[in-house]
Amino acid sequence: MSASAIVARTAAGGIEYLLSQQPGPRWSPRLQIAARYASVREATRVALRLPGRFRAYALPLGPNGADLFAEAV
């Protein structure tokens, strides 16, 4: 079973999460409204297809829907 994931990037104000890609990438600091992907692989594919200036990455989600980094802190 693969974990669900989101696409994130580091911004000046902290981490931002991808909301949608159409017509262009839209970002938000709110994890709750981020676009969810079925697997880390799918989220990585989306992140790699974004323009290089965004430097986004896949971030796996924990069982309760929070990102794993936030749960570890």
C-alpha atoms as a PDB file:
ATOM      1  CA  MET A   1       0.000   0.000   0.000  1.00  0.00           C
ATOM      2  CA  SER A   2       1.461   3.354  -0.981  1.00  0.00           C
ATOM      3  CA  ALA A   3       1.128   6.506   1.077  1.00  0.00           C
ATOM      4  CA  SER A   4      -0.713   9.528  -0.258  1.00  0.00           C
ATOM      5  CA  ALA A   5       1.381  12.603  -0.947  1.00  0.00           C
ATOM      6  CA  ILE A   6       1.311  16.270  -1.864  1.00  0.00           C
ATOM      7  CA  VAL A   7       3.602  18.576  -3.830  1.00  0.00           C
ATOM      8  CA  ALA A   8       5.383  21.250  -1.807  1.00  0.00           C
ATOM      9  CA  ARG A   9       8.033  23.916  -2.197  1.00  0.00           C
ATOM     10  CA  THR A  10      10.063  26.044   0.169  1.00  0.00           C
ATOM     11  CA  ALA A  11       9.184  29.743   0.049  1.00  0.00           C
ATOM     12  CA  ALA A  12      10.346  32.787   2.005  1.00  0.00           C
ATOM     13  CA  GLY A  13       7.425  32.446   4.434  1.00  0.00           C
ATOM     14  CA  GLY A  14       7.788  28.679   4.921  1.00  0.00           C
ATOM     15  CA  ILE A  15       6.452  25.671   3.058  1.00  0.00           C
ATOM     16  CA  GLU A  16       3.806  26.157   0.361  1.00  0.00           C
ATOM     17  CA  TYR A  17       1.637  23.390  -1.064  1.00  0.00           C
ATOM     18  CA  LEU A  18       0.433  22.947  -4.640  1.00  0.00           C
ATOM     19  CA  LEU A  19      -3.293  23.564  -5.067  1.00  0.00           C
ATOM     20  CA  SER A  20      -3.635  22.977  -8.804  1.00  0.00           C
ATOM     21  CA  GLN A  21      -1.649  23.122 -12.017  1.00  0.00           C
ATOM     22  CA  GLN A  22      -4.193  24.651 -14.387  1.00  0.00           C
ATOM     23  CA  PRO A  23      -3.761  27.170 -15.964  1.00  0.00           C
ATOM     24  CA  GLY A  24      -0.590  27.688 -13.939  1.00  0.00           C
ATOM     25  CA  PRO A  25       0.631  26.413 -10.580  1.00  0.00           C
ATOM     26  CA  ARG A  26      -1.181  27.898  -7.575  1.00  0.00           C
ATOM     27  CA  TRP A  27       0.281  27.589  -4.080  1.00  0.00           C
ATOM     28  CA  SER A  28      -0.987  27.988  -0.515  1.00  0.00           C
ATOM     29  CA  PRO A  29       0.590  27.741   2.942  1.00  0.00           C
ATOM     30  CA  ARG A  30      -2.446  25.688   4.094  1.00  0.00           C
ATOM     31  CA  LEU A  31      -1.861  21.935   3.986  1.00  0.00           C
ATOM     32  CA  GLN A  32      -5.574  21.178   4.355  1.00  0.00           C
ATOM     33  CA  ILE A  33      -6.438  22.486   0.872  1.00  0.00           C
ATOM     34  CA  ALA A  34      -3.440  21.072  -1.011  1.00  0.00           C
ATOM     35  CA  ALA A  35      -4.002  18.778  -3.996  1.00  0.00           C
ATOM     36  CA  ARG A  36      -3.586  15.142  -2.891  1.00  0.00           C
ATOM     37  CA  TYR A  37      -1.964  12.431  -4.971  1.00  0.00           C
ATOM     38  CA  ALA A  38      -2.367   8.674  -4.610  1.00  0.00           C
ATOM     39  CA  SER A  39       1.350   7.985  -4.208  1.00  0.00           C
ATOM     40  CA  VAL A  40       4.702   9.654  -3.698  1.00  0.00           C
ATOM     41  CA  ARG A  41       5.607   8.547  -7.213  1.00  0.00           C
ATOM     42  CA  GLU A  42       2.661  10.420  -8.731  1.00  0.00           C
ATOM     43  CA  ALA A  43       3.406  13.557  -6.664  1.00  0.00           C
ATOM     44  CA  THR A  44       7.074  13.395  -7.693  1.00  0.00           C
ATOM     45  CA  ARG A  45       6.082  13.192 -11.348  1.00  0.00           C
ATOM     46  CA  VAL A  46       3.903  16.311 -10.953  1.00  0.00           C
ATOM     47  CA  ALA A  47       6.700  18.163  -9.122  1.00  0.00           C
ATOM     48  CA  LEU A  48       9.232  17.338 -11.837  1.00  0.00           C
ATOM     49  CA  ARG A  49       6.921  18.594 -14.574  1.00  0.00           C
ATOM     50  CA  LEU A  50       6.625  22.062 -13.026  1.00  0.00           C
ATOM     51  CA  PRO A  51       8.871  24.843 -14.374  1.00  0.00           C
ATOM     52  CA  GLY A  52      12.352  24.768 -12.824  1.00  0.00           C
ATOM     53  CA  ARG A  53      11.944  28.041 -10.932  1.00  0.00           C
ATOM     54  CA  PHE A  54       9.476  26.376  -8.548  1.00  0.00           C
ATOM     55  CA  ARG A  55      11.812  23.578  -7.340  1.00  0.00           C
ATOM     56  CA  ALA A  56       9.001  21.545  -5.880  1.00  0.00           C
ATOM     57  CA  TYR A  57       9.156  18.101  -4.279  1.00  0.00           C
ATOM     58  CA  ALA A  58       6.805  15.314  -3.189  1.00  0.00           C
ATOM     59  CA  LEU A  59       5.957  15.186   0.494  1.00  0.00           C
ATOM     60  CA  PRO A  60       4.396  11.984   1.876  1.00  0.00           C
ATOM     61  CA  LEU A  61       1.440  12.295   4.203  1.00  0.00           C
ATOM     62  CA  GLY A  62       1.059  10.430   7.471  1.00  0.00           C
ATOM     63  CA  PRO A  63      -1.954   8.307   8.381  1.00  0.00           C
ATOM     64  CA  ASN A  64      -3.837  11.270   9.869  1.00  0.00           C
ATOM     65  CA  GLY A  65      -3.317  13.458   6.777  1.00  0.00           C
ATOM     66  CA  ALA A  66      -0.517  15.656   8.134  1.00  0.00           C
ATOM     67  CA  ASP A  67       2.870  15.774   6.462  1.00  0.00           C
ATOM     68  CA  LEU A  68       5.390  13.406   8.034  1.00  0.00           C
ATOM     69  CA  PHE A  69       7.864  16.194   8.783  1.00  0.00           C
ATOM     70  CA  ALA A  70       5.338  18.061  10.921  1.00  0.00           C
ATOM     71  CA  GLU A  71       4.524  14.867  12.822  1.00  0.00           C
ATOM     72  CA  ALA A  72       8.205  14.267  13.586  1.00  0.00           C
ATOM     73  CA  VAL A  73       8.789  17.726  15.067  1.00  0.00           C
END
